[in-house]
Amino acid sequence: MACCEEKKDYKSTANVTVQDEGKLASILSKYEGKKGSLISILQDVQEHYNYLPIDALNYIAKKTGIKPAKIHGVATFYTQFRLKPVGENLIMLCQGTACHVNGSKGIEEAINEELKIKDGETTEDNLFTLINVACLGCCSLSPVMMINDETYGKLTPEKTKSIIREIKDKQQIKGA
C-alpha cells in the first residue's frame, strides 16, 4: 500500500481537530508514495506538537494503513520520540562516562534544587523538562547539558543554576 492511501477497514477513529487534521494531512502528503518514511513522518509530527499525541499516531495509522502497533513500536523504540508533552525548555543532561566522572550527578542535583523536578519530570509552569541522556557527544565539554538547541559545557552546580535563572528571567520578560 502506498504511504498515504487511506485504509478503509481501519476500525479506530482518531480524535483530531480539523486544524490538526489539516496539518497532519499536509505532513503525510510530503511522503506520499515514499516507502520507509514513517520515521520522517513521526519527526515532522513531533516537530509540530513537540511530542507525539496518541490521536495523531492513530490518524497516521488510519491514513497510511500502517498498523498502530508498528507506529507505536517505532515511536517507543527511538529515544528521539516523546509520547508525553515536554516543557518549553527541554534540558538534556549528559550522563555519559566523561560527564559522570566530571560531576554530572552534582549538576543533576543543582537542576533538581533549582526547578524542583527530577529526571523525566516537567515543572508545573511547563517551562522546563529534565531528561538524562546517555551521551551528547561533547565529552571535551563535560559535564554538559543541552537546553533546546543550545549546548552548555564545563558546568558547575552554580553555573547550571545561573543558566536556568537566566532562561527563566528571559521567559518572564517575554511573557510580560
N, C-alpha and C. Protein backbone atom coordinates (compact mmCIF):
# COMPACT_ATOMS: atom_id res chain seq x y z
N MET A 1 0.85 -1.17 0.00
CA MET A 1 0.00 0.00 0.00
C MET A 1 0.89 1.23 0.00
N ALA A 2 0.58 2.23 -0.78
CA ALA A 2 1.35 3.46 -0.83
C ALA A 2 1.30 4.15 0.52
N CYS A 3 2.27 4.99 0.77
CA CYS A 3 2.43 5.64 2.07
C CYS A 3 1.14 6.25 2.60
N CYS A 4 0.44 6.97 1.81
CA CYS A 4 -0.62 7.80 2.38
C CYS A 4 -2.02 7.48 1.87
N GLU A 5 -2.25 6.30 1.34
CA GLU A 5 -3.60 5.92 0.96
C GLU A 5 -4.38 5.58 2.21
N GLU A 6 -5.63 5.97 2.26
CA GLU A 6 -6.44 5.66 3.42
C GLU A 6 -6.88 4.21 3.36
N LYS A 7 -6.68 3.52 4.44
CA LYS A 7 -7.11 2.14 4.54
C LYS A 7 -8.55 2.16 5.05
N LYS A 8 -9.46 1.64 4.27
CA LYS A 8 -10.89 1.76 4.54
C LYS A 8 -11.36 0.94 5.73
N ASP A 9 -10.72 -0.20 6.00
CA ASP A 9 -11.24 -1.07 7.04
C ASP A 9 -10.64 -0.80 8.42
N TYR A 10 -9.92 0.29 8.58
CA TYR A 10 -9.33 0.62 9.88
C TYR A 10 -10.45 0.95 10.87
N LYS A 11 -10.48 0.26 12.00
CA LYS A 11 -11.59 0.38 12.94
C LYS A 11 -11.49 1.60 13.85
N SER A 12 -10.28 1.93 14.30
CA SER A 12 -10.11 3.01 15.27
C SER A 12 -10.32 4.37 14.63
N THR A 13 -10.90 5.28 15.38
CA THR A 13 -11.04 6.64 14.88
C THR A 13 -10.09 7.54 15.65
N ALA A 14 -9.46 8.43 14.94
CA ALA A 14 -8.54 9.37 15.57
C ALA A 14 -9.29 10.65 15.90
N ASN A 15 -9.18 11.08 17.12
CA ASN A 15 -9.86 12.29 17.57
C ASN A 15 -8.97 13.50 17.39
N VAL A 16 -8.81 13.95 16.17
CA VAL A 16 -8.00 15.13 15.89
C VAL A 16 -8.91 16.25 15.42
N THR A 17 -8.53 17.47 15.74
CA THR A 17 -9.32 18.63 15.33
C THR A 17 -9.17 18.83 13.82
N VAL A 18 -10.05 19.64 13.26
CA VAL A 18 -9.97 19.94 11.83
C VAL A 18 -8.63 20.60 11.51
N GLN A 19 -8.19 21.50 12.37
CA GLN A 19 -6.91 22.18 12.17
C GLN A 19 -5.76 21.16 12.21
N ASP A 20 -5.80 20.27 13.22
CA ASP A 20 -4.76 19.25 13.32
C ASP A 20 -4.81 18.30 12.13
N GLU A 21 -6.01 17.95 11.71
CA GLU A 21 -6.16 17.05 10.57
C GLU A 21 -5.52 17.66 9.33
N GLY A 22 -5.70 18.96 9.14
CA GLY A 22 -5.07 19.64 8.01
C GLY A 22 -3.56 19.59 8.08
N LYS A 23 -3.01 19.83 9.26
CA LYS A 23 -1.55 19.79 9.44
C LYS A 23 -1.02 18.38 9.22
N LEU A 24 -1.69 17.39 9.80
CA LEU A 24 -1.26 16.00 9.63
C LEU A 24 -1.37 15.56 8.17
N ALA A 25 -2.44 15.96 7.51
CA ALA A 25 -2.60 15.62 6.09
C ALA A 25 -1.47 16.25 5.26
N SER A 26 -1.09 17.46 5.62
CA SER A 26 -0.01 18.14 4.93
C SER A 26 1.31 17.40 5.12
N ILE A 27 1.56 16.95 6.35
CA ILE A 27 2.78 16.17 6.63
C ILE A 27 2.77 14.87 5.82
N LEU A 28 1.65 14.16 5.86
CA LEU A 28 1.57 12.89 5.13
C LEU A 28 1.73 13.08 3.63
N SER A 29 1.22 14.18 3.10
CA SER A 29 1.31 14.39 1.65
C SER A 29 2.76 14.56 1.20
N LYS A 30 3.63 15.06 2.09
CA LYS A 30 5.05 15.21 1.76
C LYS A 30 5.70 13.85 1.47
N TYR A 31 5.16 12.80 2.07
CA TYR A 31 5.77 11.48 1.98
C TYR A 31 4.95 10.50 1.16
N GLU A 32 3.93 11.00 0.48
CA GLU A 32 3.07 10.14 -0.30
C GLU A 32 3.87 9.37 -1.34
N GLY A 33 3.68 8.05 -1.34
CA GLY A 33 4.36 7.19 -2.30
C GLY A 33 5.80 6.86 -1.94
N LYS A 34 6.28 7.34 -0.81
CA LYS A 34 7.66 7.09 -0.39
C LYS A 34 7.67 6.00 0.67
N LYS A 35 8.22 4.86 0.30
CA LYS A 35 8.32 3.75 1.26
C LYS A 35 9.35 4.09 2.33
N GLY A 36 9.13 3.55 3.53
CA GLY A 36 10.09 3.72 4.61
C GLY A 36 10.13 5.13 5.18
N SER A 37 9.02 5.84 5.11
CA SER A 37 9.02 7.24 5.55
C SER A 37 8.42 7.44 6.95
N LEU A 38 8.13 6.37 7.66
CA LEU A 38 7.47 6.50 8.96
C LEU A 38 8.27 7.35 9.94
N ILE A 39 9.56 7.13 10.04
CA ILE A 39 10.37 7.91 10.98
C ILE A 39 10.32 9.40 10.61
N SER A 40 10.42 9.71 9.34
CA SER A 40 10.35 11.11 8.91
C SER A 40 8.99 11.72 9.23
N ILE A 41 7.94 10.95 9.03
CA ILE A 41 6.59 11.43 9.37
C ILE A 41 6.51 11.72 10.86
N LEU A 42 6.99 10.79 11.68
CA LEU A 42 6.94 10.98 13.13
C LEU A 42 7.78 12.18 13.56
N GLN A 43 8.92 12.38 12.93
CA GLN A 43 9.75 13.54 13.25
C GLN A 43 9.01 14.84 12.96
N ASP A 44 8.33 14.90 11.82
CA ASP A 44 7.58 16.10 11.46
C ASP A 44 6.41 16.33 12.41
N VAL A 45 5.72 15.26 12.77
CA VAL A 45 4.59 15.39 13.70
C VAL A 45 5.10 15.87 15.06
N GLN A 46 6.21 15.30 15.51
CA GLN A 46 6.75 15.73 16.80
C GLN A 46 7.23 17.18 16.75
N GLU A 47 7.78 17.58 15.63
CA GLU A 47 8.19 18.98 15.50
C GLU A 47 6.98 19.91 15.63
N HIS A 48 5.85 19.50 15.09
CA HIS A 48 4.64 20.31 15.16
C HIS A 48 4.07 20.38 16.58
N TYR A 49 3.97 19.24 17.27
CA TYR A 49 3.34 19.18 18.58
C TYR A 49 4.33 19.28 19.75
N ASN A 50 5.59 19.04 19.47
CA ASN A 50 6.64 18.94 20.49
C ASN A 50 6.60 17.59 21.20
N TYR A 51 5.73 16.71 20.77
CA TYR A 51 5.65 15.31 21.22
C TYR A 51 4.74 14.59 20.25
N LEU A 52 4.49 13.30 20.48
CA LEU A 52 3.63 12.52 19.58
C LEU A 52 2.32 12.16 20.29
N PRO A 53 1.27 12.95 20.06
CA PRO A 53 -0.02 12.63 20.69
C PRO A 53 -0.59 11.32 20.13
N ILE A 54 -1.22 10.55 20.99
CA ILE A 54 -1.79 9.26 20.57
C ILE A 54 -2.81 9.44 19.45
N ASP A 55 -3.60 10.50 19.50
CA ASP A 55 -4.58 10.73 18.44
C ASP A 55 -3.90 10.97 17.09
N ALA A 56 -2.76 11.64 17.11
CA ALA A 56 -2.02 11.86 15.86
C ALA A 56 -1.46 10.53 15.34
N LEU A 57 -0.99 9.67 16.24
CA LEU A 57 -0.49 8.36 15.82
C LEU A 57 -1.61 7.52 15.23
N ASN A 58 -2.80 7.58 15.83
CA ASN A 58 -3.95 6.85 15.29
C ASN A 58 -4.35 7.39 13.91
N TYR A 59 -4.29 8.70 13.75
CA TYR A 59 -4.61 9.31 12.46
C TYR A 59 -3.62 8.83 11.39
N ILE A 60 -2.34 8.81 11.74
CA ILE A 60 -1.31 8.33 10.80
C ILE A 60 -1.60 6.88 10.41
N ALA A 61 -1.95 6.06 11.39
CA ALA A 61 -2.26 4.65 11.11
C ALA A 61 -3.45 4.56 10.17
N LYS A 62 -4.46 5.33 10.46
CA LYS A 62 -5.68 5.29 9.64
C LYS A 62 -5.39 5.70 8.19
N LYS A 63 -4.61 6.74 8.01
CA LYS A 63 -4.36 7.26 6.67
C LYS A 63 -3.31 6.48 5.89
N THR A 64 -2.37 5.85 6.60
CA THR A 64 -1.29 5.15 5.89
C THR A 64 -1.53 3.66 5.77
N GLY A 65 -2.38 3.12 6.64
CA GLY A 65 -2.59 1.69 6.66
C GLY A 65 -1.51 0.94 7.45
N ILE A 66 -0.62 1.69 8.05
CA ILE A 66 0.40 1.07 8.91
C ILE A 66 -0.28 0.71 10.22
N LYS A 67 -0.04 -0.49 10.70
CA LYS A 67 -0.68 -0.93 11.94
C LYS A 67 -0.29 -0.02 13.11
N PRO A 68 -1.27 0.34 13.94
CA PRO A 68 -0.97 1.19 15.10
C PRO A 68 0.14 0.62 15.98
N ALA A 69 0.19 -0.69 16.13
CA ALA A 69 1.23 -1.32 16.95
C ALA A 69 2.62 -1.06 16.38
N LYS A 70 2.75 -1.06 15.06
CA LYS A 70 4.04 -0.79 14.44
C LYS A 70 4.44 0.67 14.67
N ILE A 71 3.50 1.58 14.49
CA ILE A 71 3.78 3.00 14.70
C ILE A 71 4.20 3.24 16.15
N HIS A 72 3.45 2.67 17.08
CA HIS A 72 3.78 2.82 18.50
C HIS A 72 5.13 2.18 18.80
N GLY A 73 5.42 1.06 18.18
CA GLY A 73 6.71 0.40 18.37
C GLY A 73 7.87 1.27 17.94
N VAL A 74 7.73 1.91 16.79
CA VAL A 74 8.78 2.81 16.30
C VAL A 74 8.89 4.02 17.22
N ALA A 75 7.75 4.57 17.62
CA ALA A 75 7.75 5.77 18.47
C ALA A 75 8.36 5.50 19.84
N THR A 76 8.24 4.28 20.34
CA THR A 76 8.80 3.97 21.66
C THR A 76 10.21 3.41 21.57
N PHE A 77 10.61 2.90 20.42
CA PHE A 77 11.96 2.34 20.26
C PHE A 77 13.02 3.43 20.22
N TYR A 78 12.77 4.48 19.46
CA TYR A 78 13.75 5.54 19.28
C TYR A 78 13.61 6.60 20.36
N THR A 79 14.74 6.91 21.02
CA THR A 79 14.71 7.86 22.13
C THR A 79 14.41 9.28 21.69
N GLN A 80 14.52 9.56 20.40
CA GLN A 80 14.23 10.91 19.93
C GLN A 80 12.74 11.25 20.03
N PHE A 81 11.90 10.22 20.11
CA PHE A 81 10.46 10.46 20.14
C PHE A 81 9.94 10.51 21.57
N ARG A 82 8.98 11.41 21.78
CA ARG A 82 8.35 11.59 23.09
C ARG A 82 6.85 11.38 22.96
N LEU A 83 6.28 10.63 23.88
CA LEU A 83 4.83 10.39 23.88
C LEU A 83 4.10 11.28 24.89
N LYS A 84 4.86 12.06 25.64
CA LYS A 84 4.26 13.00 26.59
C LYS A 84 4.77 14.39 26.26
N PRO A 85 3.93 15.40 26.49
CA PRO A 85 4.41 16.77 26.26
C PRO A 85 5.61 17.10 27.14
N VAL A 86 6.47 17.95 26.64
CA VAL A 86 7.62 18.41 27.41
C VAL A 86 7.51 19.92 27.58
N GLY A 87 8.29 20.43 28.52
CA GLY A 87 8.30 21.86 28.76
C GLY A 87 8.86 22.64 27.59
N GLU A 88 8.69 23.94 27.67
CA GLU A 88 9.17 24.82 26.60
C GLU A 88 10.69 24.71 26.45
N ASN A 89 11.37 24.42 27.55
CA ASN A 89 12.82 24.26 27.55
C ASN A 89 13.16 22.83 27.95
N LEU A 90 13.62 22.06 27.00
CA LEU A 90 13.98 20.67 27.25
C LEU A 90 15.46 20.61 27.64
N ILE A 91 15.71 20.21 28.89
CA ILE A 91 17.08 20.07 29.38
C ILE A 91 17.48 18.61 29.19
N MET A 92 18.49 18.40 28.38
CA MET A 92 19.05 17.05 28.21
C MET A 92 20.41 17.07 28.91
N LEU A 93 20.49 16.35 30.01
CA LEU A 93 21.70 16.30 30.81
C LEU A 93 22.47 15.03 30.49
N CYS A 94 23.72 15.20 30.06
CA CYS A 94 24.54 14.06 29.70
C CYS A 94 24.97 13.30 30.95
N GLN A 95 24.83 11.98 30.90
CA GLN A 95 25.26 11.11 31.98
C GLN A 95 26.31 10.11 31.47
N GLY A 96 26.94 10.44 30.34
CA GLY A 96 27.98 9.58 29.78
C GLY A 96 29.19 9.51 30.72
N THR A 97 30.13 8.66 30.39
CA THR A 97 31.28 8.42 31.26
C THR A 97 32.05 9.70 31.59
N ALA A 98 32.42 10.48 30.59
CA ALA A 98 33.19 11.70 30.85
C ALA A 98 32.41 12.67 31.72
N CYS A 99 31.13 12.82 31.44
CA CYS A 99 30.30 13.74 32.24
C CYS A 99 30.12 13.20 33.66
N HIS A 100 29.91 11.91 33.77
CA HIS A 100 29.73 11.30 35.09
C HIS A 100 30.99 11.51 35.94
N VAL A 101 32.15 11.23 35.36
CA VAL A 101 33.41 11.38 36.07
C VAL A 101 33.66 12.84 36.46
N ASN A 102 33.18 13.76 35.64
CA ASN A 102 33.41 15.19 35.89
C ASN A 102 32.27 15.89 36.63
N GLY A 103 31.32 15.12 37.17
CA GLY A 103 30.36 15.72 38.09
C GLY A 103 28.93 15.90 37.62
N SER A 104 28.48 15.11 36.66
CA SER A 104 27.10 15.29 36.17
C SER A 104 26.05 15.06 37.26
N LYS A 105 26.35 14.21 38.24
CA LYS A 105 25.37 13.98 39.32
C LYS A 105 25.17 15.26 40.13
N GLY A 106 26.24 16.02 40.35
CA GLY A 106 26.11 17.30 41.04
C GLY A 106 25.32 18.31 40.22
N ILE A 107 25.46 18.24 38.91
CA ILE A 107 24.71 19.12 38.02
C ILE A 107 23.23 18.75 38.09
N GLU A 108 22.94 17.44 38.09
CA GLU A 108 21.57 16.98 38.20
C GLU A 108 20.94 17.44 39.52
N GLU A 109 21.69 17.34 40.61
CA GLU A 109 21.19 17.80 41.91
C GLU A 109 20.89 19.29 41.89
N ALA A 110 21.75 20.08 41.23
CA ALA A 110 21.53 21.53 41.12
C ALA A 110 20.23 21.81 40.35
N ILE A 111 20.00 21.08 39.27
CA ILE A 111 18.76 21.24 38.50
C ILE A 111 17.57 20.84 39.35
N ASN A 112 17.69 19.72 40.08
CA ASN A 112 16.61 19.27 40.96
C ASN A 112 16.27 20.35 41.99
N GLU A 113 17.29 20.95 42.58
CA GLU A 113 17.07 22.00 43.59
C GLU A 113 16.44 23.24 42.98
N GLU A 114 16.96 23.66 41.85
CA GLU A 114 16.51 24.92 41.23
C GLU A 114 15.10 24.81 40.67
N LEU A 115 14.78 23.69 40.06
CA LEU A 115 13.50 23.55 39.36
C LEU A 115 12.49 22.66 40.08
N LYS A 116 12.93 21.97 41.11
CA LYS A 116 12.06 21.05 41.87
C LYS A 116 11.48 19.95 40.99
N ILE A 117 12.31 19.45 40.06
CA ILE A 117 11.93 18.32 39.21
C ILE A 117 13.06 17.31 39.18
N LYS A 118 12.71 16.09 38.85
CA LYS A 118 13.69 15.01 38.69
C LYS A 118 13.66 14.55 37.23
N ASP A 119 14.53 13.62 36.90
CA ASP A 119 14.62 13.08 35.54
C ASP A 119 13.24 12.66 35.04
N GLY A 120 12.88 13.13 33.85
CA GLY A 120 11.61 12.78 33.22
C GLY A 120 10.45 13.66 33.64
N GLU A 121 10.66 14.61 34.53
CA GLU A 121 9.58 15.46 35.01
C GLU A 121 9.61 16.83 34.35
N THR A 122 8.46 17.51 34.42
CA THR A 122 8.28 18.85 33.87
C THR A 122 7.83 19.77 35.00
N THR A 123 8.33 21.00 34.99
CA THR A 123 7.93 21.97 36.00
C THR A 123 6.43 22.26 35.87
N GLU A 124 5.83 22.69 36.98
CA GLU A 124 4.39 22.97 36.98
C GLU A 124 3.99 24.02 35.96
N ASP A 125 4.89 24.98 35.70
CA ASP A 125 4.59 26.05 34.73
C ASP A 125 4.91 25.64 33.29
N ASN A 126 5.30 24.38 33.10
CA ASN A 126 5.64 23.83 31.78
C ASN A 126 6.80 24.54 31.09
N LEU A 127 7.67 25.17 31.87
CA LEU A 127 8.82 25.84 31.27
C LEU A 127 10.00 24.91 31.04
N PHE A 128 10.19 23.92 31.93
CA PHE A 128 11.36 23.04 31.84
C PHE A 128 10.98 21.58 31.99
N THR A 129 11.66 20.73 31.23
CA THR A 129 11.61 19.29 31.40
C THR A 129 13.05 18.82 31.47
N LEU A 130 13.34 17.92 32.41
CA LEU A 130 14.68 17.36 32.55
C LEU A 130 14.68 15.92 32.06
N ILE A 131 15.63 15.61 31.18
CA ILE A 131 15.82 14.25 30.71
C ILE A 131 17.31 13.93 30.76
N ASN A 132 17.66 12.86 31.47
CA ASN A 132 19.04 12.38 31.46
C ASN A 132 19.25 11.57 30.18
N VAL A 133 20.37 11.81 29.51
CA VAL A 133 20.67 11.08 28.28
C VAL A 133 22.02 10.38 28.42
N ALA A 134 22.22 9.34 27.63
CA ALA A 134 23.42 8.53 27.73
C ALA A 134 24.66 9.29 27.28
N CYS A 135 24.55 10.09 26.23
CA CYS A 135 25.71 10.82 25.73
C CYS A 135 25.26 11.90 24.76
N LEU A 136 25.85 13.08 24.89
CA LEU A 136 25.58 14.16 23.94
C LEU A 136 26.72 14.33 22.94
N GLY A 137 27.79 13.56 23.11
CA GLY A 137 28.90 13.62 22.17
C GLY A 137 29.76 14.86 22.32
N CYS A 138 29.75 15.47 23.50
CA CYS A 138 30.53 16.68 23.76
C CYS A 138 31.48 16.44 24.92
N CYS A 139 32.17 15.32 24.89
CA CYS A 139 32.99 14.88 26.03
C CYS A 139 34.02 15.91 26.47
N SER A 140 34.58 16.66 25.53
CA SER A 140 35.59 17.66 25.90
C SER A 140 34.99 18.82 26.69
N LEU A 141 33.66 18.93 26.70
CA LEU A 141 32.97 19.99 27.44
C LEU A 141 32.39 19.50 28.76
N SER A 142 32.66 18.27 29.13
CA SER A 142 32.00 17.65 30.27
C SER A 142 32.27 18.39 31.58
N PRO A 143 31.27 18.38 32.47
CA PRO A 143 29.89 17.91 32.27
C PRO A 143 29.11 18.90 31.40
N VAL A 144 28.18 18.35 30.62
CA VAL A 144 27.48 19.14 29.61
C VAL A 144 25.99 18.87 29.63
N MET A 145 25.23 19.91 29.25
CA MET A 145 23.78 19.76 29.06
C MET A 145 23.39 20.57 27.84
N MET A 146 22.29 20.17 27.24
CA MET A 146 21.69 20.95 26.16
C MET A 146 20.35 21.42 26.66
N ILE A 147 20.02 22.67 26.37
CA ILE A 147 18.69 23.19 26.62
C ILE A 147 18.18 23.64 25.26
N ASN A 148 17.20 22.90 24.76
CA ASN A 148 16.71 23.06 23.39
C ASN A 148 17.90 22.86 22.45
N ASP A 149 18.29 23.86 21.68
CA ASP A 149 19.39 23.70 20.71
C ASP A 149 20.71 24.26 21.22
N GLU A 150 20.74 24.76 22.43
CA GLU A 150 21.94 25.39 22.99
C GLU A 150 22.71 24.41 23.88
N THR A 151 24.03 24.34 23.67
CA THR A 151 24.88 23.45 24.46
C THR A 151 25.63 24.27 25.52
N TYR A 152 25.64 23.73 26.74
CA TYR A 152 26.33 24.38 27.86
C TYR A 152 27.32 23.38 28.43
N GLY A 153 28.59 23.76 28.46
CA GLY A 153 29.61 22.85 28.93
C GLY A 153 30.43 23.39 30.07
N LYS A 154 31.34 22.52 30.57
CA LYS A 154 32.20 22.85 31.70
C LYS A 154 31.35 23.35 32.87
N LEU A 155 30.25 22.64 33.10
CA LEU A 155 29.27 23.08 34.10
C LEU A 155 29.74 22.85 35.53
N THR A 156 29.28 23.72 36.38
CA THR A 156 29.36 23.56 37.83
C THR A 156 27.93 23.69 38.32
N PRO A 157 27.64 23.26 39.53
CA PRO A 157 26.28 23.45 40.04
C PRO A 157 25.86 24.92 40.04
N GLU A 158 26.76 25.81 40.40
CA GLU A 158 26.44 27.24 40.43
C GLU A 158 26.17 27.78 39.02
N LYS A 159 27.02 27.40 38.08
CA LYS A 159 26.86 27.84 36.68
C LYS A 159 25.53 27.31 36.12
N THR A 160 25.18 26.09 36.46
CA THR A 160 23.93 25.48 35.99
C THR A 160 22.73 26.26 36.50
N LYS A 161 22.72 26.57 37.78
CA LYS A 161 21.61 27.34 38.37
C LYS A 161 21.52 28.72 37.73
N SER A 162 22.66 29.34 37.47
CA SER A 162 22.69 30.66 36.84
C SER A 162 22.09 30.61 35.43
N ILE A 163 22.42 29.58 34.67
CA ILE A 163 21.88 29.41 33.31
C ILE A 163 20.37 29.27 33.37
N ILE A 164 19.89 28.45 34.28
CA ILE A 164 18.44 28.23 34.42
C ILE A 164 17.74 29.52 34.82
N ARG A 165 18.31 30.26 35.76
CA ARG A 165 17.70 31.53 36.20
C ARG A 165 17.65 32.53 35.06
N GLU A 166 18.72 32.57 34.25
CA GLU A 166 18.76 33.48 33.10
C GLU A 166 17.64 33.15 32.11
N ILE A 167 17.45 31.87 31.85
CA ILE A 167 16.37 31.46 30.94
C ILE A 167 15.02 31.82 31.53
N LYS A 168 14.83 31.57 32.83
CA LYS A 168 13.57 31.95 33.50
C LYS A 168 13.30 33.44 33.37
N ASP A 169 14.35 34.25 33.60
CA ASP A 169 14.20 35.71 33.50
C ASP A 169 13.80 36.15 32.10
N LYS A 170 14.43 35.53 31.07
CA LYS A 170 14.08 35.87 29.68
C LYS A 170 12.63 35.49 29.39
N GLN A 171 12.18 34.35 29.92
CA GLN A 171 10.80 33.89 29.71
C GLN A 171 9.82 34.86 30.35
N GLN A 172 10.16 35.36 31.55
CA GLN A 172 9.26 36.29 32.24
C GLN A 172 9.16 37.61 31.50
N ILE A 173 10.31 38.08 30.96
CA ILE A 173 10.30 39.32 30.18
C ILE A 173 9.49 39.13 28.91
N LYS A 174 9.68 38.00 28.25
CA LYS A 174 8.96 37.70 27.01
C LYS A 174 7.45 37.59 27.28
N GLY A 175 7.09 37.02 28.43
CA GLY A 175 5.68 36.83 28.75
C GLY A 175 4.99 38.06 29.30
N ALA A 176 5.77 39.06 29.69
CA ALA A 176 5.19 40.28 30.28
C ALA A 176 4.58 41.20 29.26
